[in-house]
Amino acid sequence: MPIIIGKWYKLGLVALVLGCLIPVNRIMGAEPVKVRLGTLAPKGSSYTKHLQAMGEQWRQAPGGGVQLTIYADGTMGSEADMVRRMRLGQLQAALVTTSGLTEIEPAVAGLQTIPKCFRTLEEVDYIGEKLQPMLEKRLAAKGFVVLFWSDTGFVRFFSKHPMVSPDDLRKTKLFISANRPAELEAYHSVGCNAVPLEVADILPGLQTGLIDCLCVPPTIALAIQLDSAAPHMLDMNWVPLVGAAIINKKTWDSLSPEAQEALRKSAREAGKLIKADGRRENVESIEAMRKRGLKIHTLTPELDAEWNRTVENAWPKIRGTVVPADIYDEVMSQLKTFRAAQEGAGK
């Protein structure tokens, strides 16, 4: 009898040890979650470098880590294509601008798509703080989780010929992103000859004369050597280029709360660095292009007032079409509050 009891005791002990080891082995041998991220950002740019650094931190996330693969240079198509690929499961994440985000939630347009609405980057930050929590909830309801928000400062007009007044702009063949009918209509309503194209068609379009003017961040202009084909720049704050890194909710929900916290922490840090570098590089890029021949046109007070009148006449056409009416009204109300507070503080 003691022999039998001893035998069963030993077997039970072995079973207990194995039972304890199996979960450990599963954890230690867990396959990392694979995340494919698409972006138009150039390979080797500060954008992709910060995303790569973020990816290295993701590898250490609890539960086996996350393996991030970045597809830069628009190799996954336009931003609309990337959103579609995310819906199909071909991509799990993307770093996209407002153009891509509005494919999911039109309200995001309020962060960017009102010309000359934002006077300073401080105003851009303020409106972001007010609107982004609400926008994150709307995006999540549609199956997309925001990892971080960022921007690269203000875009500038680059053109083949000098363009300094609203009348000059109306005479150009202006590039706008393809598949944006509301934006196309808004430009047409103020007399602009807007030509919708994919981003990859910008340089060929300039070379063939299909377009002769476009609005992009100076960092991108420098990266693609746009100044060689469009050597004139209007130094005017048109709109900020705002964007976000997003991941589909299915992938996000497959991660443990601990892993989600680790990913979000490193992502937000990457977003802060991308914003800081983007804004700084915007200024540095203008100076770099000036040194190699870019002609920079500044606005006189009279021309600035003329631009303000032009855009203010266009704003009612943007409200409710390009930007949902409730979001447009919220942006304008919040800006009024912010400016009053700044004036009260003597700034």
Foldseek 3Di string as FASTA:
>chain_A
DVVVVVVVVVVVVVVVVVVVVVVVCCQVPPAAAEAEEEELADPPDLLVVLVVVLQVLQCPFGRRGYHYDYHYNCPQHFLCSVVVCCVVVVGFKYWDWLVNVCNQPLQSCLLWVQWPPDDDVVLSVLLCVVCVVVSQVSSVVSFKHFLAKAFQAFKWKFFQDDDQAPVSQLPWAEEDAPPQVLVVVLCVVLNHNYDHDHPVCVVVCLVVVVGGMYIGQLLVCLVVVVCVSGQEIEPDRTIITMITMMGGNVSVVVDDPRSNVSSSVSSHVSRVSCRVVSHVVSVVSVVVSVVVRRHYHYDDPVRVVNVVVSSVVSVVSCDCRSHDPVSNVVSNVSVVVVVVVCVVVVD
